[in-house]
Amino acid sequence: MGRAHKNRDSRKRLSRKGAGERMSLAPEELVRHGWMWDRTPVTLRSVQPEDAPALCAMFRACSPKSLYLRFERQLNEISLDQAVQLCSVDHKNEIGIVAEIKEAGSHKLIGLGQLSADPDHGTAEYAVLVADPWQGKGLGSKFTDFCLEIAWRWGVKRVVGEFSPSNVRIIRILQSRGFRFQRDRQEQVVFAEKILE
């Protein structure tokens, strides 16, 4: 979304709704094909209810530290019911994007990005989790660029996030895309904000 971060993957140009105009995005509209830095092909797409078992497996590939940085609490894995809940989004105020690769002939989920908008779509909160074996390969950047584009198309005016100060990777990614930051030292949290134009 920043001028210096044009996505080089082939994609359809998206039209933008007026800021604050509510709309839903169909799952088939939310697909992006590309490559990680090691040239592994990856597809970013809308999460589906049937992804719940694969999402559980993805969480098992995450370290306790990665899960803590995402959820700000100790979490070792998620139940199938919790995974179903994460996969059940309405596409009006919530969107979930998964990263999928093909490994040993089967499809595997390796990351989850989420946008949650307020009722008038003035603000949307962004969060992302990449499983440990695929961190450091540019996937967090791909999630961020795609989710910012989705928020822009949604008519969202402002994207925000709340992160641990030790989550250096996501802070650097957002900083390079024009987010502003405010740190609450008492709560040990960093608030990020970007105004979409």
C-alpha atoms as a PDB file:
ATOM      1  CA  MET A   1       0.000   0.000   0.000  1.00  0.00           C
ATOM      2  CA  GLY A   2       2.927   2.362   0.534  1.00  0.00           C
ATOM      3  CA  ARG A   3       4.431   3.814  -2.632  1.00  0.00           C
ATOM      4  CA  ALA A   4       7.640   1.868  -2.136  1.00  0.00           C
ATOM      5  CA  HIS A   5       5.861  -1.462  -1.685  1.00  0.00           C
ATOM      6  CA  LYS A   6       3.956  -2.242  -4.861  1.00  0.00           C
ATOM      7  CA  ASN A   7       3.091  -5.916  -4.900  1.00  0.00           C
ATOM      8  CA  ARG A   8       4.799  -7.602  -7.847  1.00  0.00           C
ATOM      9  CA  ASP A   9       2.523 -10.641  -7.891  1.00  0.00           C
ATOM     10  CA  SER A  10       0.034 -10.797 -10.749  1.00  0.00           C
ATOM     11  CA  ARG A  11      -3.375  -9.691  -9.532  1.00  0.00           C
ATOM     12  CA  LYS A  12      -6.596  -7.971 -10.434  1.00  0.00           C
ATOM     13  CA  ARG A  13      -6.818  -4.271  -9.660  1.00  0.00           C
ATOM     14  CA  LEU A  14      -9.371  -3.735  -6.937  1.00  0.00           C
ATOM     15  CA  SER A  15     -11.985  -1.000  -6.787  1.00  0.00           C
ATOM     16  CA  ARG A  16     -12.472   0.950  -3.556  1.00  0.00           C
ATOM     17  CA  LYS A  17     -15.749   1.636  -1.815  1.00  0.00           C
ATOM     18  CA  GLY A  18     -16.283   5.029  -0.260  1.00  0.00           C
ATOM     19  CA  ALA A  19     -14.717   5.312   3.188  1.00  0.00           C
ATOM     20  CA  GLY A  20     -17.169   4.125   5.781  1.00  0.00           C
ATOM     21  CA  GLU A  21     -19.384   2.368   3.200  1.00  0.00           C
ATOM     22  CA  ARG A  22     -20.096  -1.135   4.428  1.00  0.00           C
ATOM     23  CA  MET A  23     -19.606  -4.002   2.029  1.00  0.00           C
ATOM     24  CA  SER A  24     -18.816  -7.684   2.057  1.00  0.00           C
ATOM     25  CA  LEU A  25     -16.127  -9.323  -0.020  1.00  0.00           C
ATOM     26  CA  ALA A  26     -16.801 -12.739  -1.477  1.00  0.00           C
ATOM     27  CA  PRO A  27     -14.174 -15.416  -0.683  1.00  0.00           C
ATOM     28  CA  GLU A  28     -13.396 -15.928  -4.356  1.00  0.00           C
ATOM     29  CA  GLU A  29     -12.333 -12.267  -4.566  1.00  0.00           C
ATOM     30  CA  LEU A  30      -9.693 -12.789  -1.884  1.00  0.00           C
ATOM     31  CA  VAL A  31      -6.977 -14.799  -3.611  1.00  0.00           C
ATOM     32  CA  ARG A  32      -3.340 -13.902  -4.284  1.00  0.00           C
ATOM     33  CA  HIS A  33      -0.668 -16.158  -5.782  1.00  0.00           C
ATOM     34  CA  GLY A  34       3.018 -15.467  -5.288  1.00  0.00           C
ATOM     35  CA  TRP A  35       6.334 -16.730  -3.959  1.00  0.00           C
ATOM     36  CA  MET A  36       8.195 -16.510  -0.707  1.00  0.00           C
ATOM     37  CA  TRP A  37      11.782 -15.276  -0.734  1.00  0.00           C
ATOM     38  CA  ASP A  38      13.070 -18.835  -1.125  1.00  0.00           C
ATOM     39  CA  ARG A  39      10.858 -19.157  -4.250  1.00  0.00           C
ATOM     40  CA  THR A  40       8.360 -21.475  -2.582  1.00  0.00           C
ATOM     41  CA  PRO A  41       4.979 -20.894  -4.268  1.00  0.00           C
ATOM     42  CA  VAL A  42       2.333 -19.665  -1.832  1.00  0.00           C
ATOM     43  CA  THR A  43      -1.345 -18.799  -2.137  1.00  0.00           C
ATOM     44  CA  LEU A  44      -3.066 -16.294   0.106  1.00  0.00           C
ATOM     45  CA  ARG A  45      -6.799 -16.909   0.169  1.00  0.00           C
ATOM     46  CA  SER A  46      -9.894 -16.498   2.282  1.00  0.00           C
ATOM     47  CA  VAL A  47     -10.149 -18.931   5.175  1.00  0.00           C
ATOM     48  CA  GLN A  48     -12.923 -21.524   4.848  1.00  0.00           C
ATOM     49  CA  PRO A  49     -14.773 -23.548   7.526  1.00  0.00           C
ATOM     50  CA  GLU A  50     -13.228 -26.760   6.191  1.00  0.00           C
ATOM     51  CA  ASP A  51      -9.750 -25.340   6.961  1.00  0.00           C
ATOM     52  CA  ALA A  52     -10.195 -25.967  10.705  1.00  0.00           C
ATOM     53  CA  PRO A  53      -8.174 -29.236  10.925  1.00  0.00           C
ATOM     54  CA  ALA A  54      -5.342 -27.765   8.837  1.00  0.00           C
ATOM     55  CA  LEU A  55      -5.372 -24.663  11.031  1.00  0.00           C
ATOM     56  CA  CYS A  56      -4.945 -26.847  14.115  1.00  0.00           C
ATOM     57  CA  ALA A  57      -1.925 -28.446  12.461  1.00  0.00           C
ATOM     58  CA  MET A  58      -0.521 -25.004  11.658  1.00  0.00           C
ATOM     59  CA  PHE A  59      -0.788 -23.969  15.312  1.00  0.00           C
ATOM     60  CA  ARG A  60       1.136 -27.095  16.305  1.00  0.00           C
ATOM     61  CA  ALA A  61       3.989 -25.863  14.087  1.00  0.00           C
ATOM     62  CA  CYS A  62       4.120 -22.575  16.040  1.00  0.00           C
ATOM     63  CA  SER A  63       6.440 -22.104  19.002  1.00  0.00           C
ATOM     64  CA  PRO A  64       5.030 -20.915  22.352  1.00  0.00           C
ATOM     65  CA  LYS A  65       6.837 -17.599  21.745  1.00  0.00           C
ATOM     66  CA  SER A  66       5.137 -17.041  18.369  1.00  0.00           C
ATOM     67  CA  LEU A  67       1.730 -17.843  19.833  1.00  0.00           C
ATOM     68  CA  TYR A  68       2.350 -15.520  22.767  1.00  0.00           C
ATOM     69  CA  LEU A  69       3.390 -12.657  20.473  1.00  0.00           C
ATOM     70  CA  ARG A  70       0.181 -13.116  18.474  1.00  0.00           C
ATOM     71  CA  PHE A  71      -2.335 -13.720  21.271  1.00  0.00           C
ATOM     72  CA  GLU A  72      -0.537 -12.042  24.217  1.00  0.00           C
ATOM     73  CA  ARG A  73      -1.155 -15.064  26.429  1.00  0.00           C
ATOM     74  CA  GLN A  74       0.335 -18.500  26.898  1.00  0.00           C
ATOM     75  CA  LEU A  75      -1.108 -20.861  24.320  1.00  0.00           C
ATOM     76  CA  ASN A  76       0.312 -24.188  23.196  1.00  0.00           C
ATOM     77  CA  GLU A  77      -2.324 -25.207  20.665  1.00  0.00           C
ATOM     78  CA  ILE A  78      -5.968 -24.689  19.805  1.00  0.00           C
ATOM     79  CA  SER A  79      -8.890 -27.080  19.903  1.00  0.00           C
ATOM     80  CA  LEU A  80     -10.855 -28.000  16.809  1.00  0.00           C
ATOM     81  CA  ASP A  81     -13.773 -25.907  18.123  1.00  0.00           C
ATOM     82  CA  GLN A  82     -11.481 -22.876  18.445  1.00  0.00           C
ATOM     83  CA  ALA A  83     -10.163 -23.467  14.945  1.00  0.00           C
ATOM     84  CA  VAL A  84     -13.714 -23.654  13.595  1.00  0.00           C
ATOM     85  CA  GLN A  85     -14.422 -20.307  15.223  1.00  0.00           C
ATOM     86  CA  LEU A  86     -11.349 -18.735  13.607  1.00  0.00           C
ATOM     87  CA  CYS A  87     -12.452 -20.134  10.247  1.00  0.00           C
ATOM     88  CA  SER A  88     -16.022 -18.852  10.529  1.00  0.00           C
ATOM     89  CA  VAL A  89     -15.954 -15.235   9.347  1.00  0.00           C
ATOM     90  CA  ASP A  90     -18.804 -13.170   7.941  1.00  0.00           C
ATOM     91  CA  HIS A  91     -16.774 -11.194   5.341  1.00  0.00           C
ATOM     92  CA  LYS A  92     -18.728  -8.077   6.351  1.00  0.00           C
ATOM     93  CA  ASN A  93     -16.828  -7.130   9.500  1.00  0.00           C
ATOM     94  CA  GLU A  94     -14.313  -9.976   9.682  1.00  0.00           C
ATOM     95  CA  ILE A  95     -11.945 -11.443   7.129  1.00  0.00           C
ATOM     96  CA  GLY A  96      -9.433 -14.231   7.621  1.00  0.00           C
ATOM     97  CA  ILE A  97      -6.662 -14.917   5.109  1.00  0.00           C
ATOM     98  CA  VAL A  98      -4.610 -18.111   5.170  1.00  0.00           C
ATOM     99  CA  ALA A  99      -1.302 -18.837   3.468  1.00  0.00           C
ATOM    100  CA  GLU A 100      -1.280 -22.217   1.738  1.00  0.00           C
ATOM    101  CA  ILE A 101       1.585 -24.173   0.212  1.00  0.00           C
ATOM    102  CA  LYS A 102       1.815 -27.574  -1.430  1.00  0.00           C
ATOM    103  CA  GLU A 103       4.176 -29.924   0.384  1.00  0.00           C
ATOM    104  CA  ALA A 104       4.710 -33.620  -0.326  1.00  0.00           C
ATOM    105  CA  GLY A 105       1.681 -33.614  -2.595  1.00  0.00           C
ATOM    106  CA  SER A 106      -0.745 -32.145  -0.051  1.00  0.00           C
ATOM    107  CA  HIS A 107      -1.893 -28.641   0.802  1.00  0.00           C
ATOM    108  CA  LYS A 108      -0.658 -27.130   4.054  1.00  0.00           C
ATOM    109  CA  LEU A 109      -1.551 -23.929   5.916  1.00  0.00           C
ATOM    110  CA  ILE A 110       1.417 -21.943   7.193  1.00  0.00           C
ATOM    111  CA  GLY A 111      -0.030 -18.598   8.267  1.00  0.00           C
ATOM    112  CA  LEU A 112      -3.166 -16.672   9.202  1.00  0.00           C
ATOM    113  CA  GLY A 113      -3.890 -12.963   8.751  1.00  0.00           C
ATOM    114  CA  GLN A 114      -7.009 -11.344  10.196  1.00  0.00           C
ATOM    115  CA  LEU A 115      -8.908  -8.092   9.737  1.00  0.00           C
ATOM    116  CA  SER A 116     -11.713  -7.106  12.091  1.00  0.00           C
ATOM    117  CA  ALA A 117     -13.616  -3.926  11.233  1.00  0.00           C
ATOM    118  CA  ASP A 118     -15.955  -1.850  13.351  1.00  0.00           C
ATOM    119  CA  PRO A 119     -19.595  -1.651  12.164  1.00  0.00           C
ATOM    120  CA  ASP A 120     -19.114   1.461  10.013  1.00  0.00           C
ATOM    121  CA  HIS A 121     -15.758   0.285   8.636  1.00  0.00           C
ATOM    122  CA  GLY A 122     -14.013   3.379   9.934  1.00  0.00           C
ATOM    123  CA  THR A 123     -11.306   1.280  11.596  1.00  0.00           C
ATOM    124  CA  ALA A 124     -10.068  -2.272  11.104  1.00  0.00           C
ATOM    125  CA  GLU A 125      -7.699  -4.149  13.399  1.00  0.00           C
ATOM    126  CA  TYR A 126      -4.970  -6.241  11.779  1.00  0.00           C
ATOM    127  CA  ALA A 127      -3.206  -9.286  13.214  1.00  0.00           C
ATOM    128  CA  VAL A 128      -1.015 -11.969  11.662  1.00  0.00           C
ATOM    129  CA  LEU A 129       0.584 -15.270  12.630  1.00  0.00           C
ATOM    130  CA  VAL A 130       3.193 -17.151  10.583  1.00  0.00           C
ATOM    131  CA  ALA A 131       4.205 -20.648  11.684  1.00  0.00           C
ATOM    132  CA  ASP A 132       7.834 -20.839  12.795  1.00  0.00           C
ATOM    133  CA  PRO A 133       9.294 -22.963   9.941  1.00  0.00           C
ATOM    134  CA  TRP A 134       8.193 -20.305   7.426  1.00  0.00           C
ATOM    135  CA  GLN A 135       9.165 -17.161   9.304  1.00  0.00           C
ATOM    136  CA  GLY A 136      11.832 -14.946   7.777  1.00  0.00           C
ATOM    137  CA  LYS A 137      10.752 -15.760   4.202  1.00  0.00           C
ATOM    138  CA  GLY A 138       8.755 -12.603   3.443  1.00  0.00           C
ATOM    139  CA  LEU A 139       5.354 -14.078   4.247  1.00  0.00           C
ATOM    140  CA  GLY A 140       4.545 -11.491   6.919  1.00  0.00           C
ATOM    141  CA  SER A 141       5.116  -8.766   4.327  1.00  0.00           C
ATOM    142  CA  LYS A 142       2.839 -10.516   1.841  1.00  0.00           C
ATOM    143  CA  PHE A 143       0.092 -10.846   4.451  1.00  0.00           C
ATOM    144  CA  THR A 144       0.422  -7.194   5.390  1.00  0.00           C
ATOM    145  CA  ASP A 145       0.312  -5.880   1.821  1.00  0.00           C
ATOM    146  CA  PHE A 146      -2.672  -8.050   0.906  1.00  0.00           C
ATOM    147  CA  CYS A 147      -4.615  -7.200   4.068  1.00  0.00           C
ATOM    148  CA  LEU A 148      -3.947  -3.480   3.595  1.00  0.00           C
ATOM    149  CA  GLU A 149      -5.274  -3.783   0.055  1.00  0.00           C
ATOM    150  CA  ILE A 150      -8.367  -5.610   1.303  1.00  0.00           C
ATOM    151  CA  ALA A 151      -8.946  -2.946   3.968  1.00  0.00           C
ATOM    152  CA  TRP A 152      -8.621  -0.245   1.322  1.00  0.00           C
ATOM    153  CA  ARG A 153     -11.164  -1.999  -0.871  1.00  0.00           C
ATOM    154  CA  TRP A 154     -13.433  -2.433   2.147  1.00  0.00           C
ATOM    155  CA  GLY A 155     -13.574   1.358   2.457  1.00  0.00           C
ATOM    156  CA  VAL A 156     -11.692   1.328   5.752  1.00  0.00           C
ATOM    157  CA  LYS A 157     -10.174   4.661   6.769  1.00  0.00           C
ATOM    158  CA  ARG A 158      -7.720   3.425   9.381  1.00  0.00           C
ATOM    159  CA  VAL A 159      -5.898   0.150  10.083  1.00  0.00           C
ATOM    160  CA  VAL A 160      -4.634  -0.436  13.612  1.00  0.00           C
ATOM    161  CA  GLY A 161      -2.781  -3.152  15.484  1.00  0.00           C
ATOM    162  CA  GLU A 162      -1.599  -3.934  18.988  1.00  0.00           C
ATOM    163  CA  PHE A 163       1.698  -5.749  19.442  1.00  0.00           C
ATOM    164  CA  SER A 164       4.291  -6.695  22.010  1.00  0.00           C
ATOM    165  CA  PRO A 165       7.404  -4.469  21.821  1.00  0.00           C
ATOM    166  CA  SER A 166       9.415  -7.678  21.368  1.00  0.00           C
ATOM    167  CA  ASN A 167       7.566  -8.509  18.145  1.00  0.00           C
ATOM    168  CA  VAL A 168      10.314  -6.832  16.148  1.00  0.00           C
ATOM    169  CA  ARG A 169       9.487  -8.449  12.806  1.00  0.00           C
ATOM    170  CA  ILE A 170       5.937  -7.147  12.504  1.00  0.00           C
ATOM    171  CA  ILE A 171       6.911  -3.727  13.855  1.00  0.00           C
ATOM    172  CA  ARG A 172       9.570  -3.400  11.140  1.00  0.00           C
ATOM    173  CA  ILE A 173       7.130  -4.549   8.460  1.00  0.00           C
ATOM    174  CA  LEU A 174       4.507  -2.013   9.519  1.00  0.00           C
ATOM    175  CA  GLN A 175       7.055   0.763   9.955  1.00  0.00           C
ATOM    176  CA  SER A 176       8.230   0.295   6.369  1.00  0.00           C
ATOM    177  CA  ARG A 177       4.620   0.668   5.228  1.00  0.00           C
ATOM    178  CA  GLY A 178       3.986   4.001   6.877  1.00  0.00           C
ATOM    179  CA  PHE A 179       2.399   2.982  10.165  1.00  0.00           C
ATOM    180  CA  ARG A 180       2.755   5.325  13.137  1.00  0.00           C
ATOM    181  CA  PHE A 181       3.491   3.898  16.573  1.00  0.00           C
ATOM    182  CA  GLN A 182       2.734   4.720  20.160  1.00  0.00           C
ATOM    183  CA  ARG A 183       4.164   2.716  23.035  1.00  0.00           C
ATOM    184  CA  ASP A 184       2.422   2.179  26.358  1.00  0.00           C
ATOM    185  CA  ARG A 185       5.307   1.346  28.667  1.00  0.00           C
ATOM    186  CA  GLN A 186       3.024   0.560  31.572  1.00  0.00           C
ATOM    187  CA  GLU A 187       1.068  -2.036  29.600  1.00  0.00           C
ATOM    188  CA  GLN A 188       4.117  -3.141  27.591  1.00  0.00           C
ATOM    189  CA  VAL A 189       2.309  -2.819  24.291  1.00  0.00           C
ATOM    190  CA  VAL A 190       2.868  -0.983  21.014  1.00  0.00           C
ATOM    191  CA  PHE A 191      -0.083   0.521  19.182  1.00  0.00           C
ATOM    192  CA  ALA A 192       0.252   0.869  15.386  1.00  0.00           C
ATOM    193  CA  GLU A 193      -1.907   2.973  13.090  1.00  0.00           C
ATOM    194  CA  LYS A 194      -2.058   3.716   9.368  1.00  0.00           C
ATOM    195  CA  ILE A 195      -4.468   6.069   7.618  1.00  0.00           C
ATOM    196  CA  LEU A 196      -5.549   4.681   4.245  1.00  0.00           C
ATOM    197  CA  GLU A 197      -5.891   7.047   1.319  1.00  0.00           C
END
